[in-house]
Amino acid sequence: MDIIVKPFKKHKELKNTLLKLINKIPKTKKESLSNTDWYLPEDYKREYLDLFYKNIQDHMMSLCKDFSCTRWHIKNGWFQQYKKGDSHDWHNHIGVQFSNVYYLELPDISAKTEFLNKHKTKISEGDILTFPAYLPHRSSANKTNKRKTVIAFNSNLLHGRDYY
């Protein structure tokens, strides 16, 4: 089981622009999240994802190298914002190999992703966490007065030809 943490090299350069683009998305408070675009239609224009995907190629190729792959594919992406008390309960992701979390704003390490198997990770703002999508994980309650913002995305690493 590989859980990988790597810094997103363009974090400082893109952070404010990504947040401004996220702020253009209509506010959608669902369950225990302050804001997410998960519930918007798939064809809704997400400029922040366009910018993020254009700049994540080096990161994804680095993952390919780690797993001896030749190509990568991102299935979907979304953002989530957590204010004080917000959380996301235990869940996993089906139909993909990996789940990824980019910590765009991380006010405190206590707000990082937790795994049901108690696997510990060292995370900082600007990191991208990559883990097998079948692993149950959650975001426990944000205990700070500062907002946490993540861009989550599901991905596959490919060997040879595509068969899906």
Protein backbone atom coordinates (compact mmCIF):
# COMPACT_ATOMS: atom_id res chain seq x y z
CA MET A 1 0.00 0.00 0.00
CA ASP A 2 1.56 3.24 -1.13
CA ILE A 3 0.64 6.54 0.47
CA ILE A 4 2.68 9.31 -1.06
CA VAL A 5 3.11 12.94 -0.04
CA LYS A 6 4.84 15.33 -2.43
CA PRO A 7 5.00 19.12 -2.47
CA PHE A 8 3.20 20.85 -5.33
CA LYS A 9 6.07 22.94 -6.67
CA LYS A 10 3.82 25.70 -8.00
CA HIS A 11 1.84 26.13 -4.75
CA LYS A 12 3.16 29.58 -3.81
CA GLU A 13 2.85 30.81 -7.38
CA LEU A 14 -0.75 29.61 -7.87
CA LYS A 15 -2.36 29.64 -4.41
CA ASN A 16 -3.99 33.08 -4.56
CA THR A 17 -5.15 32.68 -8.16
CA LEU A 18 -6.68 29.27 -7.43
CA LEU A 19 -8.52 30.69 -4.40
CA LYS A 20 -9.85 33.62 -6.45
CA LEU A 21 -11.13 31.21 -9.10
CA ILE A 22 -12.72 28.97 -6.45
CA ASN A 23 -14.45 32.03 -5.01
CA LYS A 24 -16.17 32.53 -8.40
CA ILE A 25 -17.96 29.18 -7.99
CA PRO A 26 -21.49 29.42 -6.54
CA LYS A 27 -21.53 28.66 -2.80
CA THR A 28 -22.84 25.16 -2.08
CA LYS A 29 -23.02 24.21 1.58
CA LYS A 30 -23.80 20.51 1.92
CA GLU A 31 -23.68 18.17 4.87
CA SER A 32 -20.84 19.34 7.09
CA LEU A 33 -18.84 21.33 4.51
CA SER A 34 -18.89 25.09 4.19
CA ASN A 35 -18.41 25.01 0.43
CA THR A 36 -17.84 22.49 -2.36
CA ASP A 37 -18.51 22.15 -6.07
CA TRP A 38 -19.02 18.38 -5.83
CA TYR A 39 -22.78 18.79 -6.33
CA LEU A 40 -22.57 21.05 -9.39
CA PRO A 41 -23.12 19.43 -12.82
CA GLU A 42 -20.03 17.75 -14.29
CA ASP A 43 -20.10 20.11 -17.27
CA TYR A 44 -20.04 23.23 -15.06
CA LYS A 45 -17.01 25.35 -16.05
CA ARG A 46 -14.34 25.10 -13.33
CA GLU A 47 -11.57 27.55 -14.23
CA TYR A 48 -9.58 26.67 -11.11
CA LEU A 49 -9.40 23.02 -12.24
CA ASP A 50 -8.30 24.05 -15.74
CA LEU A 51 -5.43 26.04 -14.20
CA PHE A 52 -4.59 23.30 -11.68
CA TYR A 53 -4.56 20.53 -14.31
CA LYS A 54 -2.29 22.59 -16.61
CA ASN A 55 0.22 22.90 -13.79
CA ILE A 56 0.11 19.41 -12.29
CA GLN A 57 1.75 17.55 -15.15
CA ASP A 58 5.20 17.38 -13.51
CA HIS A 59 3.64 16.03 -10.32
CA MET A 60 1.68 13.34 -12.16
CA MET A 61 4.70 12.32 -14.24
CA SER A 62 6.67 11.98 -11.00
CA LEU A 63 3.98 9.56 -9.75
CA CYS A 64 4.23 7.66 -13.02
CA LYS A 65 7.96 7.31 -12.46
CA ASP A 66 7.35 6.05 -8.88
CA PHE A 67 5.04 3.32 -10.22
CA SER A 68 6.86 2.61 -13.52
CA CYS A 69 3.89 3.88 -15.54
CA THR A 70 3.86 5.61 -18.87
CA ARG A 71 0.75 7.82 -18.61
CA TRP A 72 -1.79 9.21 -16.19
CA HIS A 73 -5.43 10.17 -16.30
CA ILE A 74 -7.49 12.35 -13.96
CA LYS A 75 -11.09 11.15 -13.77
CA ASN A 76 -12.59 14.06 -11.82
CA GLY A 77 -11.74 16.88 -9.45
CA TRP A 78 -13.50 19.16 -6.98
CA PHE A 79 -12.77 21.52 -4.11
CA GLN A 80 -13.91 21.43 -0.52
CA GLN A 81 -13.71 24.20 2.09
CA TYR A 82 -13.93 23.60 5.80
CA LYS A 83 -14.59 26.33 8.35
CA LYS A 84 -14.48 25.77 12.10
CA GLY A 85 -16.41 22.61 13.00
CA ASP A 86 -16.72 21.34 9.40
CA SER A 87 -15.74 17.75 8.65
CA HIS A 88 -16.14 14.94 6.10
CA ASP A 89 -17.00 11.49 7.46
CA TRP A 90 -15.38 8.16 6.57
CA HIS A 91 -15.59 7.25 2.89
CA ASN A 92 -13.59 5.83 0.01
CA HIS A 93 -13.63 6.28 -3.76
CA ILE A 94 -14.67 3.59 -6.24
CA GLY A 95 -13.82 3.11 -9.90
CA VAL A 96 -10.33 4.66 -9.74
CA GLN A 97 -6.88 3.63 -8.56
CA PHE A 98 -5.87 6.69 -6.55
CA SER A 99 -7.42 9.53 -4.61
CA ASN A 100 -5.44 12.75 -4.26
CA VAL A 101 -5.75 15.73 -1.94
CA TYR A 102 -3.97 19.02 -2.63
CA TYR A 103 -3.82 21.13 0.53
CA LEU A 104 -4.39 24.61 -0.87
CA GLU A 105 -5.05 26.04 2.62
CA LEU A 106 -4.13 24.02 5.71
CA PRO A 107 -4.43 26.07 8.91
CA ASP A 108 -3.23 23.27 11.17
CA ILE A 109 -1.99 19.70 10.71
CA SER A 110 -4.86 18.46 12.88
CA ALA A 111 -7.09 19.17 9.85
CA LYS A 112 -5.24 16.74 7.56
CA THR A 113 -6.74 13.60 6.03
CA GLU A 114 -7.00 10.67 8.45
CA PHE A 115 -7.03 6.98 7.50
CA LEU A 116 -9.16 4.33 9.17
CA ASN A 117 -6.12 2.05 9.35
CA LYS A 118 -4.40 4.78 11.45
CA HIS A 119 -1.64 5.30 8.84
CA LYS A 120 0.19 8.49 9.79
CA THR A 121 1.25 11.06 7.21
CA LYS A 122 3.30 14.21 7.52
CA ILE A 123 1.45 16.93 5.60
CA SER A 124 2.04 20.64 5.05
CA GLU A 125 0.12 23.27 3.13
CA GLY A 126 1.05 22.94 -0.53
CA ASP A 127 1.45 19.15 -0.41
CA ILE A 128 -0.42 16.63 -2.52
CA LEU A 129 -1.41 13.43 -0.76
CA THR A 130 -1.88 10.39 -3.03
CA PHE A 131 -3.29 7.12 -1.73
CA PRO A 132 -5.14 4.01 -2.93
CA ALA A 133 -8.75 5.01 -3.54
CA TYR A 134 -10.11 2.00 -1.63
CA LEU A 135 -8.66 3.24 1.69
CA PRO A 136 -11.33 4.62 4.03
CA HIS A 137 -10.41 8.19 4.95
CA ARG A 138 -11.94 11.32 6.41
CA SER A 139 -11.34 14.91 7.34
CA SER A 140 -12.00 15.34 11.03
CA ALA A 141 -13.51 18.57 12.30
CA ASN A 142 -11.55 21.73 11.62
CA LYS A 143 -10.77 23.00 15.11
CA THR A 144 -9.26 26.30 14.01
CA ASN A 145 -10.85 29.63 13.15
CA LYS A 146 -9.10 29.53 9.76
CA ARG A 147 -10.49 27.95 6.63
CA LYS A 148 -9.09 24.73 5.16
CA THR A 149 -9.33 24.40 1.36
CA VAL A 150 -8.45 21.30 -0.63
CA ILE A 151 -8.60 20.34 -4.26
CA ALA A 152 -9.35 16.63 -4.43
CA PHE A 153 -9.06 14.53 -7.56
CA ASN A 154 -9.21 10.89 -8.57
CA SER A 155 -6.62 9.44 -10.90
CA ASN A 156 -5.37 6.36 -12.69
CA LEU A 157 -1.81 5.52 -13.64
CA LEU A 158 -1.61 3.70 -16.95
CA HIS A 159 0.63 1.01 -18.42
CA GLY A 160 0.43 0.40 -22.14
CA ARG A 161 -2.94 0.88 -23.86
CA ASP A 162 -6.11 2.24 -22.28
CA TYR A 163 -8.89 -0.25 -21.65
CA TYR A 164 -11.60 1.85 -19.99
